[in-house]
Amino acid sequence: MVRWAGLSAAGLLLRLGVLLTAVCVSVHVYLESDWQRPAEHLTRGRQKWEQPSPAERDLVRSEEPQLKRRITYIHSLRRKAQAGLDSSPPSLRAHKKTSRWRIDLQPFASESRSLEDEASRFLSYITTPQVSCLPITAGETPPEWNEGAWSVCLDPRYRLTHRIEDRHCRVYSFGLGVDDWDLESNLSRAGCEVHCFDPSLKQPHLQRNDMWLHRLSVDWRDPNPALLQRQHSNTKKLATILNHFGHRQVDVLKADMESAEWKILENVILEGVLDSVGQLLLELHLHWAGFEVGGDDPSVVRYWFSLLKELENASFKLFHVHRDPAKPRLFLHKNVLNASSAYTLSWVNTQWTAG
């Protein structure tokens, strides 16, 4: 009896072992076949639990054109890369952007390091154009919309005119509560793709008169990631904005940043983003040092001058100067050499030639 009971137990264990082996093989075969085909059952289950609300569906429909357009940019760049095509100038394609820690400060204007000497050098520099922009055709007068404070270079030696004709022109315009978008509207009608950035807008993105408006502004630093978890930030660095929209270059960059221009310009220089810009239109505010610009008055003006020399070293040449007569004559809270408190300057990247 004991022997018979032992044999029965052994047989039972053997049968259980065979059964477990068969189950394991079946599970393995099922998993292998299921891994190689789309998990449709998971998708169906997820769709049941993630049905959007009517408000969410309206939001998706309202943002769908912008998302499609942004994806189009990215797909277009990928197709060009795969085909070996690139509309960027050779200098831009060959340039590897490398960040720097600080700008190269120019020597003081004189051994005395006086405000008058620094101001004299700086004011002479910003009021002396370095290149002249010829009209589109010899003997032709520039368009009226291009003769005000904000002016672009339509000289056929440079790329903007040809980019407009080919419908490849792109414009970025940064401002705070801007009411005057005349230049942007005219460039849009001429065939440019225009993006206007203003953090005071009520909607994140909208399209008006063939221009894209974004509730966003440029800054010299990206927001703290810890703050982004609690609230949405409306300011980003220029390099971050370019990457966000899938843009590799901007033909015209216009900015009126109300005394934040100095630190923003420094960031653009240090991060090597200037190669992505064809023309730079900037309003300078001189009545005070500007946000996060420190030092005594002569050192501040030396810093300003050094930034503009960095532009020149990056092949940006000044072609247009406008002094606003309505602005007070204040230079670092003083009346220095009868200088205005605001100047609008325009530079062209001379490496962006028509060839």
Protein backbone atom coordinates (compact mmCIF):
# COMPACT_ATOMS: atom_id res chain seq x y z
CA MET A 1 0.00 0.00 0.00
CA VAL A 2 2.77 2.38 0.88
CA ARG A 3 4.49 1.63 -2.40
CA TRP A 4 1.26 2.14 -4.33
CA ALA A 5 0.64 5.47 -2.59
CA GLY A 6 4.17 6.63 -3.44
CA LEU A 7 3.72 5.74 -7.10
CA SER A 8 0.38 7.59 -7.20
CA ALA A 9 1.94 10.70 -5.69
CA ALA A 10 4.83 10.55 -8.15
CA GLY A 11 2.42 10.19 -11.07
CA LEU A 12 0.37 13.12 -9.84
CA LEU A 13 3.46 15.31 -9.57
CA LEU A 14 4.53 14.25 -13.05
CA ARG A 15 1.14 15.18 -14.50
CA LEU A 16 1.21 18.53 -12.72
CA GLY A 17 4.69 19.18 -14.10
CA VAL A 18 3.59 18.40 -17.66
CA LEU A 19 0.52 20.60 -17.26
CA LEU A 20 2.54 23.55 -15.94
CA THR A 21 5.05 23.16 -18.79
CA ALA A 22 2.23 23.25 -21.35
CA VAL A 23 0.75 26.36 -19.73
CA CYS A 24 4.14 28.15 -19.73
CA VAL A 25 4.73 27.30 -23.39
CA SER A 26 1.25 28.56 -24.32
CA VAL A 27 1.77 31.83 -22.44
CA HIS A 28 5.19 32.32 -24.05
CA VAL A 29 3.81 31.74 -27.56
CA TYR A 30 0.92 34.15 -26.89
CA LEU A 31 3.20 36.88 -25.61
CA GLU A 32 5.60 36.51 -28.53
CA SER A 33 2.79 36.82 -31.09
CA ASP A 34 1.10 39.68 -29.22
CA TRP A 35 4.39 41.66 -28.95
CA GLN A 36 4.76 41.78 -32.73
CA ARG A 37 1.34 43.23 -33.53
CA PRO A 38 -0.14 46.59 -32.42
CA ALA A 39 -1.73 46.59 -29.01
CA GLU A 40 -5.17 47.39 -30.34
CA HIS A 41 -6.90 46.21 -27.19
CA LEU A 42 -4.84 48.62 -25.11
CA THR A 43 -5.67 51.45 -27.47
CA ARG A 44 -9.34 50.67 -27.32
CA GLY A 45 -9.23 50.53 -23.55
CA ARG A 46 -7.33 53.81 -23.32
CA GLN A 47 -9.81 55.52 -25.63
CA LYS A 48 -12.68 54.47 -23.34
CA TRP A 49 -11.04 56.08 -20.33
CA GLU A 50 -9.68 59.19 -22.14
CA GLN A 51 -12.69 60.57 -23.91
CA PRO A 52 -12.18 64.40 -23.97
CA SER A 53 -14.75 66.76 -22.61
CA PRO A 54 -16.59 69.16 -24.99
CA ALA A 55 -14.37 72.03 -23.79
CA GLU A 56 -11.23 70.00 -24.48
CA ARG A 57 -12.50 69.07 -27.96
CA ASP A 58 -13.10 72.77 -28.74
CA LEU A 59 -9.59 73.61 -27.53
CA VAL A 60 -8.06 70.91 -29.72
CA ARG A 61 -10.00 72.14 -32.75
CA SER A 62 -8.94 75.75 -32.12
CA GLU A 63 -5.26 74.81 -31.84
CA GLU A 64 -5.31 72.25 -34.66
CA PRO A 65 -4.24 74.71 -37.42
CA GLN A 66 -1.27 75.89 -35.38
CA LEU A 67 -0.25 72.32 -34.57
CA LYS A 68 -0.55 71.25 -38.19
CA ARG A 69 1.48 74.23 -39.31
CA ARG A 70 4.18 73.59 -36.70
CA ILE A 71 4.37 69.92 -37.71
CA THR A 72 4.63 71.01 -41.34
CA TYR A 73 7.69 73.08 -40.48
CA ILE A 74 9.35 70.11 -38.80
CA HIS A 75 8.48 67.67 -41.58
CA SER A 76 9.74 70.14 -44.17
CA LEU A 77 13.07 70.46 -42.37
CA ARG A 78 13.38 66.69 -42.14
CA ARG A 79 12.64 66.25 -45.86
CA LYS A 80 15.24 68.86 -46.74
CA ALA A 81 17.79 67.19 -44.52
CA GLN A 82 17.12 63.77 -46.07
CA ALA A 83 17.36 65.21 -49.58
CA GLY A 84 20.54 67.12 -48.76
CA LEU A 85 18.82 70.47 -49.32
CA ASP A 86 19.17 73.54 -47.11
CA SER A 87 18.03 77.08 -47.82
CA SER A 88 20.40 78.45 -45.20
CA PRO A 89 23.50 80.35 -46.33
CA PRO A 90 26.75 78.32 -46.46
CA SER A 91 28.13 80.20 -43.46
CA LEU A 92 25.11 79.13 -41.37
CA ARG A 93 25.33 75.47 -42.40
CA ALA A 94 29.03 75.28 -41.60
CA HIS A 95 28.77 77.10 -38.27
CA LYS A 96 28.65 75.01 -35.12
CA LYS A 97 27.01 77.01 -32.38
CA THR A 98 29.13 77.09 -29.23
CA SER A 99 28.14 78.91 -26.08
CA ARG A 100 30.45 81.41 -24.46
CA TRP A 101 30.56 82.55 -20.86
CA ARG A 102 31.07 86.30 -21.36
CA ILE A 103 31.44 88.91 -24.03
CA ASP A 104 34.75 90.53 -24.92
CA LEU A 105 34.81 93.92 -23.23
CA GLN A 106 36.40 96.70 -25.25
CA PRO A 107 39.04 98.94 -23.63
CA PHE A 108 37.79 102.14 -22.06
CA ALA A 109 37.62 105.08 -24.43
CA SER A 110 40.29 106.96 -22.47
CA GLU A 111 42.57 106.58 -19.51
CA SER A 112 40.38 108.92 -17.51
CA ARG A 113 37.42 106.51 -17.88
CA SER A 114 35.02 109.45 -17.82
CA LEU A 115 31.34 109.23 -18.73
CA GLU A 116 31.75 111.97 -21.34
CA ASP A 117 34.47 110.05 -23.20
CA GLU A 118 32.54 106.79 -23.10
CA ALA A 119 29.31 108.51 -24.20
CA SER A 120 31.08 110.34 -27.04
CA ARG A 121 32.50 107.09 -28.45
CA PHE A 122 29.23 105.22 -28.04
CA LEU A 123 27.01 107.93 -29.56
CA SER A 124 29.36 108.40 -32.50
CA TYR A 125 29.24 104.65 -33.12
CA ILE A 126 25.44 104.28 -33.10
CA THR A 127 24.84 107.34 -35.30
CA THR A 128 27.29 106.38 -38.08
CA PRO A 129 25.92 103.83 -40.61
CA GLN A 130 28.50 101.29 -41.75
CA VAL A 131 26.85 100.21 -45.01
CA SER A 132 24.30 101.80 -47.33
CA CYS A 133 21.27 99.90 -48.54
CA LEU A 134 20.49 100.58 -52.17
CA PRO A 135 16.91 100.49 -53.48
CA ILE A 136 15.57 97.31 -55.02
CA THR A 137 16.17 98.71 -58.52
CA ALA A 138 18.61 101.43 -59.49
CA GLY A 139 16.83 104.78 -59.50
CA GLU A 140 13.82 103.42 -57.62
CA THR A 141 12.76 105.08 -54.37
CA PRO A 142 12.23 102.91 -51.29
CA PRO A 143 8.62 102.08 -50.36
CA GLU A 144 7.03 104.59 -48.00
CA TRP A 145 6.43 101.96 -45.32
CA ASN A 146 10.18 101.38 -45.11
CA GLU A 147 11.15 104.99 -44.38
CA GLY A 148 10.13 105.35 -40.72
CA ALA A 149 11.85 104.45 -37.48
CA TRP A 150 11.77 100.76 -38.34
CA SER A 151 13.48 99.98 -41.62
CA VAL A 152 14.68 96.82 -43.38
CA CYS A 153 17.44 96.57 -45.98
CA LEU A 154 16.00 95.77 -49.43
CA ASP A 155 19.36 95.99 -51.16
CA PRO A 156 19.55 93.16 -53.75
CA ARG A 157 23.11 92.40 -52.60
CA TYR A 158 21.62 90.81 -49.51
CA ARG A 159 19.16 87.97 -49.18
CA LEU A 160 15.96 89.56 -47.90
CA THR A 161 14.71 90.79 -51.30
CA HIS A 162 15.26 87.39 -52.87
CA ARG A 163 13.70 85.59 -49.93
CA ILE A 164 10.59 87.78 -50.28
CA GLU A 165 10.36 86.98 -53.99
CA ASP A 166 10.70 83.25 -53.28
CA ARG A 167 8.11 83.41 -50.47
CA HIS A 168 10.65 82.06 -47.98
CA CYS A 169 10.93 85.18 -45.82
CA ARG A 170 10.32 84.85 -42.08
CA VAL A 171 9.93 87.74 -39.61
CA TYR A 172 10.00 87.71 -35.79
CA SER A 173 8.70 90.81 -33.98
CA PHE A 174 8.97 91.13 -30.20
CA GLY A 175 7.26 93.86 -28.19
CA LEU A 176 5.29 94.69 -25.07
CA GLY A 177 1.76 95.93 -25.64
CA VAL A 178 2.60 96.86 -29.23
CA ASP A 179 0.10 98.94 -31.22
CA ASP A 180 2.27 99.73 -34.27
CA TRP A 181 2.66 96.72 -36.53
CA ASP A 182 2.89 98.63 -39.81
CA LEU A 183 6.24 97.17 -40.84
CA GLU A 184 5.11 93.66 -40.00
CA SER A 185 1.86 94.09 -41.96
CA ASN A 186 3.69 95.35 -45.03
CA LEU A 187 6.23 92.54 -44.90
CA SER A 188 3.36 90.08 -44.55
CA ARG A 189 1.65 91.51 -47.63
CA ALA A 190 4.96 91.32 -49.47
CA GLY A 191 5.04 87.57 -48.87
CA CYS A 192 6.80 87.07 -45.54
CA GLU A 193 5.69 84.69 -42.83
CA VAL A 194 5.34 87.04 -39.84
CA HIS A 195 5.28 86.02 -36.18
CA CYS A 196 4.49 88.75 -33.61
CA PHE A 197 5.24 88.01 -29.96
CA ASP A 198 3.55 89.93 -27.17
CA PRO A 199 3.03 88.53 -23.64
CA SER A 200 0.05 90.85 -23.09
CA LEU A 201 -2.14 89.02 -25.63
CA LYS A 202 -5.24 87.34 -24.21
CA GLN A 203 -4.97 84.18 -26.32
CA PRO A 204 -1.91 81.90 -26.63
CA HIS A 205 -1.96 81.87 -30.45
CA LEU A 206 -4.12 83.52 -33.06
CA GLN A 207 -3.92 84.60 -36.68
CA ARG A 208 -4.79 88.13 -37.75
CA ASN A 209 -4.31 89.75 -41.15
CA ASP A 210 -2.00 86.96 -42.35
CA MET A 211 0.21 87.35 -39.26
CA TRP A 212 0.69 84.89 -36.42
CA LEU A 213 0.32 86.39 -32.94
CA HIS A 214 1.77 84.57 -29.93
CA ARG A 215 1.40 85.25 -26.20
CA LEU A 216 5.12 84.89 -25.69
CA SER A 217 8.17 87.11 -25.35
CA VAL A 218 11.93 86.79 -25.59
CA ASP A 219 14.15 86.85 -22.52
CA TRP A 220 17.82 86.35 -21.70
CA ARG A 221 17.09 83.18 -19.74
CA ASP A 222 14.58 80.38 -19.77
CA PRO A 223 12.11 80.10 -16.88
CA ASN A 224 12.95 78.00 -13.84
CA PRO A 225 11.66 74.42 -14.41
CA ALA A 226 10.30 74.39 -10.85
CA LEU A 227 8.10 77.39 -11.62
CA LEU A 228 6.83 75.84 -14.85
CA GLN A 229 5.15 73.08 -12.82
CA ARG A 230 2.97 75.66 -11.09
CA GLN A 231 2.37 78.28 -13.75
CA HIS A 232 2.86 78.88 -17.46
CA SER A 233 5.72 81.18 -18.39
CA ASN A 234 5.38 83.64 -21.26
CA THR A 235 9.11 84.32 -21.71
CA LYS A 236 11.82 82.19 -23.29
CA LYS A 237 15.26 82.62 -24.81
CA LEU A 238 15.43 83.21 -28.56
CA ALA A 239 17.13 79.85 -29.15
CA THR A 240 14.34 78.11 -27.22
CA ILE A 241 11.64 79.90 -29.23
CA LEU A 242 13.29 78.94 -32.52
CA ASN A 243 13.43 75.31 -31.46
CA HIS A 244 9.85 75.43 -30.19
CA PHE A 245 8.52 76.50 -33.60
CA GLY A 246 10.94 74.37 -35.59
CA HIS A 247 12.59 77.40 -37.21
CA ARG A 248 16.27 77.42 -38.10
CA GLN A 249 16.55 81.02 -39.24
CA VAL A 250 14.79 84.39 -39.18
CA ASP A 251 15.26 86.88 -41.99
CA VAL A 252 14.20 89.89 -39.90
CA LEU A 253 14.27 90.10 -36.11
CA LYS A 254 12.62 93.21 -34.68
CA ALA A 255 12.62 93.90 -30.94
CA ASP A 256 11.46 96.74 -28.68
CA MET A 257 11.98 95.28 -25.23
CA GLU A 258 11.86 98.39 -23.03
CA SER A 259 15.39 98.23 -21.55
CA ALA A 260 15.67 94.42 -21.56
CA GLU A 261 17.41 94.55 -24.95
CA TRP A 262 20.94 94.63 -23.52
CA LYS A 263 20.76 91.33 -21.62
CA ILE A 264 18.76 89.71 -24.44
CA LEU A 265 21.38 90.81 -26.97
CA GLU A 266 24.12 89.46 -24.71
CA ASN A 267 22.38 86.06 -24.53
CA VAL A 268 21.91 85.90 -28.31
CA ILE A 269 25.62 86.68 -28.80
CA LEU A 270 26.89 84.21 -26.19
CA GLU A 271 24.70 81.36 -27.45
CA GLY A 272 25.73 81.88 -31.07
CA VAL A 273 22.19 82.53 -32.31
CA LEU A 274 23.22 85.54 -34.44
CA ASP A 275 24.06 83.28 -37.38
CA SER A 276 20.34 82.45 -37.57
CA VAL A 277 19.36 86.12 -38.07
CA GLY A 278 19.51 88.02 -41.36
CA GLN A 279 18.62 91.52 -40.16
CA LEU A 280 18.35 92.91 -36.65
CA LEU A 281 16.08 95.87 -35.83
CA LEU A 282 16.45 97.06 -32.27
CA GLU A 283 15.31 99.99 -30.16
CA LEU A 284 17.94 101.01 -27.61
CA HIS A 285 16.91 102.71 -24.38
CA LEU A 286 19.64 104.85 -22.85
CA HIS A 287 17.93 106.68 -19.99
CA TRP A 288 19.12 104.01 -17.54
CA ALA A 289 21.48 101.02 -17.54
CA GLY A 290 18.83 98.40 -18.26
CA PHE A 291 17.68 95.28 -16.47
CA GLU A 292 20.46 93.49 -14.56
CA VAL A 293 23.18 95.74 -15.98
CA GLY A 294 25.44 96.89 -13.14
CA GLY A 295 28.49 99.07 -12.61
CA ASP A 296 29.20 102.78 -12.61
CA ASP A 297 28.09 104.92 -15.56
CA PRO A 298 31.33 104.69 -17.59
CA SER A 299 31.37 100.89 -17.16
CA VAL A 300 27.74 100.63 -18.29
CA VAL A 301 28.43 102.58 -21.50
CA ARG A 302 31.55 100.51 -22.11
CA TYR A 303 29.39 97.37 -21.76
CA TRP A 304 26.86 98.76 -24.26
CA PHE A 305 29.61 99.60 -26.73
CA SER A 306 31.19 96.14 -26.34
CA LEU A 307 27.88 94.44 -27.18
CA LEU A 308 27.53 96.45 -30.39
CA LYS A 309 31.13 95.66 -31.32
CA GLU A 310 30.26 91.97 -30.90
CA LEU A 311 27.54 92.51 -33.51
CA GLU A 312 30.06 94.06 -35.86
CA ASN A 313 32.47 91.16 -35.33
CA ALA A 314 29.63 88.80 -36.26
CA SER A 315 29.32 90.54 -39.67
CA PHE A 316 26.36 92.74 -38.69
CA LYS A 317 26.69 96.20 -40.20
CA LEU A 318 24.63 99.23 -39.18
CA PHE A 319 22.59 100.66 -42.07
CA HIS A 320 19.80 102.69 -40.46
CA VAL A 321 19.60 105.05 -37.47
CA HIS A 322 16.53 106.83 -36.17
CA ARG A 323 16.48 109.26 -33.26
CA ASP A 324 13.06 109.84 -31.77
CA PRO A 325 12.63 113.61 -31.26
CA ALA A 326 9.69 113.02 -28.94
CA LYS A 327 11.82 111.18 -26.38
CA PRO A 328 13.47 113.11 -23.51
CA ARG A 329 17.16 113.92 -23.72
CA LEU A 330 18.36 111.62 -21.00
CA PHE A 331 21.51 109.51 -21.00
CA LEU A 332 21.83 107.50 -17.79
CA HIS A 333 19.58 110.03 -16.02
CA LYS A 334 21.67 112.97 -17.26
CA ASN A 335 21.81 115.31 -20.20
CA VAL A 336 25.01 114.10 -21.85
CA LEU A 337 26.00 115.52 -25.25
CA ASN A 338 22.35 116.26 -25.98
CA ALA A 339 21.70 112.56 -26.52
CA SER A 340 18.21 111.16 -26.86
CA SER A 341 16.96 108.49 -24.49
CA ALA A 342 15.98 106.16 -27.37
CA TYR A 343 17.43 105.23 -30.76
CA THR A 344 16.13 102.72 -33.29
CA LEU A 345 18.95 100.93 -35.12
CA SER A 346 18.98 98.40 -37.96
CA TRP A 347 21.77 95.99 -38.88
CA VAL A 348 22.16 93.63 -41.82
CA ASN A 349 24.12 90.39 -41.62
CA THR A 350 26.53 90.88 -44.53
CA GLN A 351 27.23 87.15 -44.70
CA TRP A 352 23.66 86.61 -45.80
CA THR A 353 24.40 87.69 -49.37
CA ALA A 354 22.26 87.06 -52.42
CA GLY A 355 24.75 84.51 -53.71
